[in-house]
Each structure stands twice: as structure tokens, then as C-alpha cells.
Protein backbone atom coordinates (compact mmCIF):
# COMPACT_ATOMS: atom_id res chain seq x y z
CA MET A 1 -11.85 -130.18 -113.87
CA SER A 2 -9.96 -126.88 -113.78
CA VAL A 3 -13.24 -125.00 -113.33
CA ILE A 4 -14.11 -127.06 -110.24
CA LEU A 5 -10.65 -126.46 -108.66
CA GLU A 6 -10.85 -122.69 -109.23
CA SER A 7 -14.29 -122.56 -107.59
CA ASN A 8 -13.01 -124.46 -104.51
CA MET A 9 -10.03 -122.11 -104.19
CA GLN A 10 -12.28 -119.03 -104.32
CA LYS A 11 -14.45 -120.49 -101.60
CA ARG A 12 -11.40 -121.24 -99.46
CA PHE A 13 -10.02 -117.67 -99.79
CA GLN A 14 -13.45 -116.08 -99.12
CA THR A 15 -13.75 -117.80 -95.76
CA GLY A 16 -13.79 -114.99 -92.96
CA PHE A 17 -13.58 -114.83 -89.14
CA THR A 18 -15.93 -116.92 -87.18
CA MET A 19 -18.22 -115.19 -84.66
CA ILE A 20 -16.06 -116.44 -81.81
CA GLU A 21 -12.90 -115.05 -83.38
CA LEU A 22 -14.60 -111.73 -84.07
CA SER A 23 -15.91 -111.50 -80.50
CA ILE A 24 -12.47 -112.21 -79.07
CA ALA A 25 -10.90 -109.57 -81.32
CA MET A 26 -13.51 -107.00 -80.29
CA LEU A 27 -12.97 -107.76 -76.60
CA ILE A 28 -9.22 -107.32 -77.01
CA ALA A 29 -9.72 -104.06 -78.90
CA MET A 30 -12.13 -102.75 -76.24
CA GLY A 31 -9.66 -103.67 -73.50
CA VAL A 32 -6.85 -101.81 -75.26
CA LEU A 33 -9.14 -98.81 -75.84
CA ALA A 34 -10.25 -98.76 -72.21
CA ALA A 35 -6.65 -98.91 -70.99
CA THR A 36 -5.69 -96.16 -73.42
CA LEU A 37 -8.58 -93.95 -72.28
CA GLN A 38 -7.74 -94.52 -68.63
CA LEU A 39 -4.10 -93.63 -69.28
CA MET A 40 -5.16 -90.52 -71.18
CA ASN A 41 -7.50 -89.50 -68.35
CA GLN A 42 -4.76 -89.93 -65.75
CA SER A 43 -2.31 -88.02 -67.93
CA ASN A 44 -4.83 -85.22 -68.42
CA GLN A 45 -5.51 -84.98 -64.68
CA MET A 46 -1.79 -84.86 -64.01
CA PHE A 47 -1.39 -82.17 -66.68
CA VAL A 48 -4.18 -80.09 -65.13
CA ARG A 49 -2.62 -80.37 -61.67
CA VAL A 50 0.89 -79.59 -62.88
CA LYS A 51 -0.27 -76.71 -65.08
CA ASP A 52 -2.38 -75.19 -62.34
CA ARG A 53 0.41 -75.49 -59.82
CA SER A 54 2.80 -73.96 -62.33
CA ASP A 55 0.33 -71.12 -63.00
CA ARG A 56 -0.03 -70.47 -59.27
CA MET A 57 3.75 -70.41 -58.84
CA VAL A 58 4.04 -67.92 -61.71
CA ASP A 59 1.25 -65.84 -60.15
CA ALA A 60 3.04 -65.91 -56.79
CA ALA A 61 6.31 -64.79 -58.35
CA LEU A 62 4.57 -61.97 -60.22
CA ALA A 63 2.65 -60.87 -57.13
CA ARG A 64 5.80 -60.83 -55.03
CA GLU A 65 7.68 -58.83 -57.66
CA GLN A 66 4.88 -56.27 -57.91
CA LEU A 67 4.41 -56.00 -54.15
CA ASP A 68 8.15 -55.54 -53.61
CA PHE A 69 8.25 -52.84 -56.30
CA TYR A 70 5.49 -50.79 -54.69
CA MET A 71 6.40 -51.45 -51.07
CA GLU A 72 9.96 -50.29 -51.70
CA ARG A 73 8.43 -46.91 -52.56
CA TRP A 74 6.46 -46.73 -49.32
CA GLY A 75 7.30 -43.32 -47.86
CA LYS A 76 9.69 -42.32 -50.66
CA GLY A 77 9.52 -38.62 -51.45
CA VAL A 78 6.85 -37.98 -48.82
CA PHE A 79 7.23 -34.47 -47.48
CA SER A 80 7.84 -34.05 -43.79
CA VAL A 81 5.78 -31.69 -41.64
CA ALA A 82 9.02 -30.72 -39.89
CA ASP A 83 10.69 -27.48 -40.94
CA ALA A 84 14.10 -29.14 -41.11
CA VAL A 85 14.80 -32.57 -42.48
CA PRO A 86 16.42 -34.89 -39.90
CA GLN A 87 20.10 -35.46 -40.51
CA GLY A 88 20.74 -38.30 -42.89
CA GLU A 89 17.24 -38.17 -44.37
CA PHE A 90 17.61 -37.03 -47.99
CA PRO A 91 15.11 -37.02 -49.45
CA PRO A 92 13.13 -37.15 -46.20
CA GLN A 93 10.82 -40.11 -45.75
CA GLN A 94 7.76 -40.93 -43.67
CA SER A 95 7.44 -44.67 -44.08
CA SER A 96 5.02 -44.90 -41.18
CA VAL A 97 2.30 -43.07 -43.12
CA HIS A 98 -0.13 -45.87 -43.87
CA HIS A 99 -3.64 -47.19 -43.28
CA VAL A 100 -4.90 -50.77 -43.05
CA GLN A 101 -8.56 -51.50 -43.72
CA THR A 102 -9.49 -55.00 -42.60
CA ASN A 103 -12.05 -57.40 -44.05
CA VAL A 104 -12.90 -55.52 -47.22
CA LEU A 105 -13.54 -56.65 -50.80
CA VAL A 106 -14.15 -54.17 -53.61
CA LYS A 107 -16.91 -55.33 -55.91
CA SER A 108 -16.64 -54.93 -59.66
CA ASP A 109 -18.90 -51.86 -59.47
CA GLY A 110 -16.46 -50.16 -57.07
CA THR A 111 -18.47 -50.57 -53.87
CA GLU A 112 -16.86 -52.17 -50.82
CA VAL A 113 -18.35 -55.13 -48.96
CA SER A 114 -17.22 -56.99 -45.87
CA ASN A 115 -15.17 -60.13 -46.50
CA PRO A 116 -13.00 -61.84 -43.86
CA ASP A 117 -10.52 -63.13 -46.45
CA PHE A 118 -9.24 -59.75 -47.64
CA ASP A 119 -7.59 -56.59 -46.31
CA SER A 120 -6.62 -53.31 -47.95
CA PHE A 121 -3.39 -51.34 -47.46
CA SER A 122 -2.98 -47.65 -48.33
CA PHE A 123 0.14 -45.50 -48.07
CA LEU A 124 1.94 -42.50 -49.53
CA GLY A 125 4.87 -43.10 -51.83
CA ASN A 126 6.53 -41.94 -55.00
CA LEU A 127 6.55 -43.93 -58.23
CA GLU A 128 8.35 -41.28 -60.23
CA GLY A 129 12.00 -40.31 -60.47
CA TYR A 130 13.90 -37.18 -59.56
CA ALA A 131 16.10 -34.43 -60.96
CA VAL A 132 18.93 -32.19 -59.76
CA VAL A 133 19.53 -28.74 -61.20
CA ASP A 134 22.97 -28.87 -62.78
CA SER A 135 23.42 -25.36 -64.22
CA THR A 136 21.81 -22.42 -65.94
CA ASP A 137 21.75 -22.95 -69.67
CA THR A 138 24.52 -20.92 -71.31
CA THR A 139 22.60 -20.31 -74.55
CA ASP A 140 19.27 -19.46 -72.90
CA ASN A 141 19.39 -18.14 -69.33
CA THR A 142 15.65 -18.67 -68.94
CA LYS A 143 16.35 -22.42 -68.85
CA VAL A 144 18.20 -24.72 -66.46
CA ASN A 145 19.88 -28.02 -67.24
CA LEU A 146 18.79 -31.01 -65.16
CA LEU A 147 20.37 -34.32 -64.28
CA SER A 148 17.22 -36.43 -64.36
CA CYS A 149 16.18 -40.03 -63.86
CA ARG A 150 12.63 -40.83 -64.96
CA LEU A 151 11.34 -37.47 -63.76
CA GLN A 152 8.23 -37.99 -65.88
CA SER A 153 8.10 -41.76 -66.03
CA GLY A 154 4.38 -41.85 -65.29
CA ALA A 155 3.47 -38.74 -67.26
CA ALA A 156 2.10 -38.24 -70.70
CA THR A 157 4.92 -38.22 -73.24
CA ASP A 158 4.03 -34.71 -74.39
CA ALA A 159 3.69 -33.17 -70.90
CA THR A 160 5.69 -29.94 -70.67
CA SER A 161 4.76 -28.98 -67.11
CA GLY A 162 4.27 -30.70 -63.80
CA CYS A 163 3.89 -30.32 -60.04
CA TYR A 164 6.86 -31.01 -57.80
CA THR A 165 8.40 -30.42 -54.42
CA ILE A 166 11.84 -28.83 -54.28
CA LEU A 167 14.53 -29.37 -51.68
CA ARG A 168 17.14 -26.65 -51.22
CA ASN A 169 19.91 -27.33 -48.70
CA LYS A 170 17.98 -30.45 -47.63
CA ASP A 171 14.92 -28.43 -46.59
CA TYR A 172 11.65 -28.28 -48.48
CA TRP A 173 11.55 -25.00 -50.31
CA GLN A 174 8.30 -23.09 -49.89
CA PRO A 175 9.37 -19.45 -49.98
CA GLY A 176 7.41 -16.26 -49.53
CA ASP A 177 3.67 -16.10 -48.92
CA VAL A 178 3.13 -19.78 -49.57
CA TYR A 179 5.56 -20.75 -46.83
CA LEU A 180 3.93 -18.38 -44.35
CA ARG A 181 0.48 -19.73 -45.10
CA MET A 182 1.73 -23.27 -44.69
CA GLU A 183 3.08 -22.33 -41.24
CA GLU A 184 -0.28 -20.89 -40.25
CA ARG A 185 -2.10 -23.84 -41.75
CA LYS A 186 -0.42 -26.27 -39.35
CA ALA A 187 -2.75 -24.98 -36.63
CA GLU A 188 -5.86 -25.01 -38.81
CA THR A 189 -7.71 -28.32 -38.66
CA THR A 190 -9.79 -27.29 -41.66
CA HIS A 191 -6.71 -27.43 -43.89
CA VAL A 192 -4.37 -29.91 -42.25
CA PRO A 193 -5.88 -33.42 -42.19
CA THR A 194 -5.45 -35.63 -39.13
CA ASN A 195 -4.55 -38.54 -41.38
CA PRO A 196 -1.57 -37.70 -43.65
CA LEU A 197 -3.09 -39.96 -46.30
CA ASP A 198 -5.78 -37.31 -46.76
CA PHE A 199 -3.30 -34.75 -48.09
CA ASP A 200 -4.36 -33.31 -51.41
CA LYS A 201 -3.83 -30.16 -53.43
CA SER A 202 -5.85 -28.12 -50.91
CA THR A 203 -3.52 -28.97 -48.04
CA ILE A 204 -0.06 -28.69 -49.59
CA ALA A 205 2.00 -26.16 -51.48
CA TYR A 206 3.88 -27.32 -54.53
CA ALA A 207 6.00 -25.92 -57.30
CA VAL A 208 4.74 -25.78 -60.87
CA ILE A 209 7.62 -26.23 -63.32
CA ASP A 210 7.10 -25.46 -66.99
CA GLY A 211 9.15 -26.01 -70.12
CA LEU A 212 10.11 -29.58 -69.26
CA ALA A 213 11.86 -31.21 -72.20
CA SER A 214 14.21 -34.14 -72.63
CA THR A 215 17.52 -33.37 -74.30
CA ALA A 216 18.78 -36.95 -74.57
CA SER A 217 17.41 -40.35 -75.49
CA ASN A 218 18.25 -41.87 -72.12
CA GLN A 219 15.71 -41.49 -69.33
CA CYS A 220 18.39 -41.59 -66.64
CA ILE A 221 21.68 -39.73 -66.52
CA ASP A 222 24.86 -41.53 -67.43
CA THR A 223 26.67 -41.87 -64.12
CA GLY A 224 29.96 -41.95 -65.98
CA ASN A 225 29.93 -38.47 -67.51
CA GLN A 226 26.88 -36.96 -65.72
CA THR A 227 25.77 -35.04 -68.80
CA PRO A 228 22.45 -33.20 -68.29
CA ASN A 229 19.58 -34.89 -70.07
CA PHE A 230 16.66 -32.57 -69.27
CA LYS A 231 15.72 -28.88 -69.42
CA ALA A 232 13.14 -26.76 -67.60
CA ASN A 233 12.18 -23.12 -67.16
CA ARG A 234 14.38 -21.45 -64.57
CA VAL A 235 11.55 -19.31 -63.13
CA ILE A 236 8.83 -21.33 -61.44
CA SER A 237 5.55 -20.63 -59.66
CA PHE A 238 4.05 -22.03 -56.50
CA ALA A 239 0.46 -23.10 -56.02
CA ASP A 240 -1.74 -24.32 -53.23
CA GLY A 241 -5.40 -24.92 -52.50
CA LEU A 242 -6.06 -21.39 -51.22
CA ASN A 243 -4.55 -19.58 -54.17
CA SER A 244 -4.25 -21.64 -57.30
CA ASN A 245 -1.30 -19.78 -58.79
CA ILE A 246 1.17 -17.61 -56.84
CA THR A 247 4.10 -16.22 -58.80
CA LEU A 248 7.11 -15.24 -56.69
CA TYR A 249 9.26 -13.92 -59.57
CA GLU A 250 12.93 -13.40 -58.61
CA GLU A 251 12.93 -15.57 -55.50
CA ALA A 252 11.21 -18.41 -57.33
CA ALA A 253 14.13 -19.27 -59.60
CA LEU A 254 15.78 -22.67 -59.67
CA GLN A 255 19.43 -22.79 -58.66
CA PRO A 256 22.16 -25.41 -59.17
CA GLY A 257 21.88 -28.06 -56.51
CA ASP A 258 18.09 -27.86 -56.11
CA PHE A 259 16.61 -31.35 -55.80
CA ILE A 260 13.31 -31.83 -57.67
CA GLN A 261 10.92 -34.67 -56.99
CA PRO A 262 7.33 -35.27 -58.12
CA LEU A 263 4.59 -35.12 -55.53
CA PRO A 264 3.91 -38.49 -53.93
CA GLN A 265 0.93 -40.61 -54.88
CA ARG A 266 -1.67 -42.22 -52.71
CA LEU A 267 -1.01 -45.93 -53.29
CA ARG A 268 -3.38 -48.77 -52.43
CA ILE A 269 -3.06 -52.56 -52.53
CA PHE A 270 -6.43 -54.29 -52.36
CA VAL A 271 -8.63 -57.09 -53.71
CA GLN A 272 -11.37 -56.40 -56.23
CA GLN A 273 -13.67 -58.53 -58.33
CA ASN A 274 -12.35 -58.76 -61.88
CA ALA A 275 -15.24 -58.23 -64.30
CA GLU A 276 -13.14 -59.73 -67.11
CA ASP A 277 -12.62 -62.96 -65.15
CA GLN A 278 -16.15 -63.89 -64.05
CA ASN A 279 -15.88 -61.48 -61.07
CA ALA A 280 -13.18 -63.61 -59.45
CA PRO A 281 -11.22 -61.80 -56.70
CA TRP A 282 -7.94 -60.39 -58.02
CA LEU A 283 -5.15 -58.49 -56.33
CA TYR A 284 -5.02 -54.88 -57.55
CA ILE A 285 -2.62 -51.97 -57.08
CA SER A 286 -3.69 -48.37 -57.72
CA SER A 287 -1.97 -45.00 -57.57
CA THR A 288 -3.85 -41.72 -57.20
CA PRO A 289 -2.09 -38.36 -57.57
CA LEU A 290 -2.42 -35.69 -54.89
CA THR A 291 -2.97 -32.99 -57.51
CA ASP A 292 -4.55 -32.65 -60.91
CA CYS A 293 -1.42 -31.43 -62.64
CA PRO A 294 -1.14 -32.12 -66.38
CA ASN A 295 1.12 -35.10 -65.88
CA SER A 296 -0.78 -36.63 -62.94
CA LEU A 297 -2.55 -39.82 -63.95
CA THR A 298 -4.62 -42.26 -61.93
CA GLU A 299 -3.49 -45.80 -62.69
CA ILE A 300 -4.79 -49.19 -61.61
CA ALA A 301 -3.30 -52.60 -62.39
CA ALA A 302 -4.64 -56.12 -61.92
CA ILE A 303 -1.96 -58.50 -60.64
CA SER A 304 -3.34 -62.04 -60.23
CA PRO A 305 -6.31 -64.04 -58.87
CA VAL A 306 -6.21 -64.60 -55.12
CA ARG A 307 -8.12 -66.59 -52.52
CA SER A 308 -7.01 -64.42 -49.59
CA PHE A 309 -4.96 -61.31 -48.84
CA LYS A 310 -4.36 -60.64 -45.13
CA LEU A 311 -2.17 -58.10 -43.34
CA ASN A 312 -0.73 -58.13 -39.83
CA LEU A 313 0.80 -55.17 -37.96
CA ASP A 314 1.01 -56.80 -34.51
CA THR A 315 4.82 -56.82 -34.62
CA PRO A 316 6.23 -53.29 -34.14
CA ASN A 317 7.63 -51.77 -37.36
CA VAL A 318 6.83 -54.88 -39.39
CA LEU A 319 4.05 -55.37 -41.92
CA LYS A 320 3.33 -59.06 -42.53
CA VAL A 321 1.55 -60.05 -45.72
CA SER A 322 -0.08 -63.45 -46.28
CA LEU A 323 -1.30 -64.13 -49.80
CA ASN A 324 -3.07 -67.25 -51.10
CA MET A 325 -2.91 -67.49 -54.86
CA GLY A 326 -5.47 -68.93 -57.26
CA TYR A 327 -9.22 -69.20 -57.58
CA SER A 328 -11.78 -70.32 -55.03
CA THR A 329 -12.53 -74.03 -54.67
CA GLU A 330 -15.98 -73.46 -56.13
CA ARG A 331 -14.46 -71.83 -59.19
CA LEU A 332 -11.79 -74.44 -59.91
CA ARG A 333 -12.02 -77.75 -58.07
CA ASN A 334 -8.97 -79.41 -59.61
CA GLN A 335 -6.45 -76.71 -58.75
CA SER A 336 -3.29 -77.66 -56.94
CA GLN A 337 -2.57 -75.96 -53.66
CA VAL A 338 0.61 -73.90 -53.33
CA PRO A 339 1.94 -72.62 -50.01
CA PRO A 340 0.75 -69.13 -49.06
CA LEU A 341 3.07 -66.29 -50.02
CA GLU A 342 4.41 -64.93 -46.73
CA LEU A 343 6.15 -61.53 -46.95
CA GLU A 344 7.49 -59.04 -44.42
CA TYR A 345 8.14 -55.33 -44.90
CA TYR A 346 9.91 -53.15 -42.35
CA TYR A 347 9.23 -49.51 -41.65
CA ASP A 348 10.13 -46.89 -39.05
């Protein structure tokens, strides 16, 4: 009797789901899975939109910061063709020296092609610092002490010489034969370019300063105690494109109060295909030195992907910049639109 009862109990416990119960359970599970997948898909789409919009906003902030940095140096340290610097202009500036090239895209191989979405802007400016001669060194009268702020910020760390312009009593100092040749050169179209952006080492005179060496860890002087932080050779030479090295001996000696500034660079803001990003158009900024001095380096920096970069000079003394961030629609169809970056820069 006990054997029969145990067999019936095993049969009762081994009874499983019926086909109807199993089907209902599977339908419920599939419904939950479908709802979960739909929710995940919506969440993923929202994440893509939010992330892309966030990326574009970060790109816009970076682009604005970089553009402001370079545009603030538009015309800084650019030598004037006038003999005397206008009152109140120290160092003298020529902010109006610029060139806009419309409808141009630079391909990844460096060639330029026509493209209505992009413009290019070139100008002269100075990315370096400056120095003022403080005194002749008391322990070595062949040296002068300088109050400097990033005089060689873009130079090689071991550079001991460089090319500069020097202002003495607020006038550009080009003494002796070099100055006379520069005066004559003003009337020679073969040496003085019509477009100031075409200045190079064959059209300007500049001072070559040797023995540059930092004497402090800080790149800029401490405005509190104004202790010199740089040294240089007191005797300098001048050079130009007609005579590569002209030594003027006694009259070419730095004096306290002389203002030293690096030669300006030829700066350009443009759009170029980025070979490291599937040739997508990116905003670039480049700086090209006017001379081939030891501490003159050509630099180029990629800023961010852009859909358009347009310039407008219709308003007098105002440069308007319109910048659309992000990739083309063909490249990224799910990207979120952000308002164009609209900037204005004023010049005289």
C-alpha cells in the first residue's frame, strides 16, 4: 500500500506546465522583452542626441576660445611703415593688415579647392612675448639683464639666439646702413610688397640677438619686485634680405629701456580635411614665421570638426565670423543641431 502511495505522489509532483500555460508565459516574456528593447532603443537614441549636442557645445566653446586667443593678437607687434609711431601706439599696431579668401577648402594633400561653405582668414600678429632691457650686467658688461615675459614661448627650449625688432624711444630702431637701405627700399616695388602679408626676411630688417638665457624659473617677470629674469648679449647685429649679416659694432648695443619683441607671424584660420578623421572638414589655425631664425617654428593646430566657416567684412571695422560645428549630415545623421557660433571682432 505504501508503495502505491509513493508512486502516486511522484507522479503528482512531476506534473509540469501545460502547453497553454507555457504559451502564455512565453507571450508575457516576449512582451516584457519587447518593451525593454524599445525602452533601451529610445534611451540609446536620447543618449546619442544628448552626447552629440554636448560634444558640439564643447567644440563650440573650444573653437571660440582658440579664435579669441588668436584674434586678440591680430596686429600685435606688427611693425609700422611710418618712421615715427603714432602717439599712444606702443608697441605700434596695424590691425587692418589682413586678407580674406572666400569659398576655399584645403584638401588633406594641401591643395585648395572651391567650396561655398568655407572661407580663409590671414593676418599678421605676434604669438610671442616681449622683453625690456633693464640694465647692463654688473659682473659681465657684455650682457644685459632683461625683464621678460614669454620672450621665447614658441621657441625651442635650447634656443640661444633669435630675430627681433627693437623699439627705442617708441620708434623702431634700424640704425646705420640697414636703416638707410630700408628708406630706399620703400620706393622699390621689387622689395616692398603691395600686400603687407607678403613681408618676409627679404623685405624687412631685424635684429639678431645672441646669448639668450633664462635666469629664473618664471617665464614672466614678477610685477611685485620686477627682478630681471633673462639675459642676452649686449652687442647685437642686424640682418636683412640684401645682406644676411650686418654688424654695426658700437652703435648696435642694447641700452636700458629698449623694448624687444619677436617678429610677427603670418597667421591663418582656415578649414582643411583632417586625414585622421576620414577627411572630415576641421577648423585649423597655423602660424608661419617671417624669417628662418633658429627659434622660428611653423605650427599648425586642428581645432574641431565644422560644417561651415564664413566671414563677413561688410560692416566697416568689424569682422563677423559664423561657424557651424559638427560633421556633415552624410557623415553623422543622428547629430543634434546647435546654433551657429556667431562672433564679432573689431579692428581699426
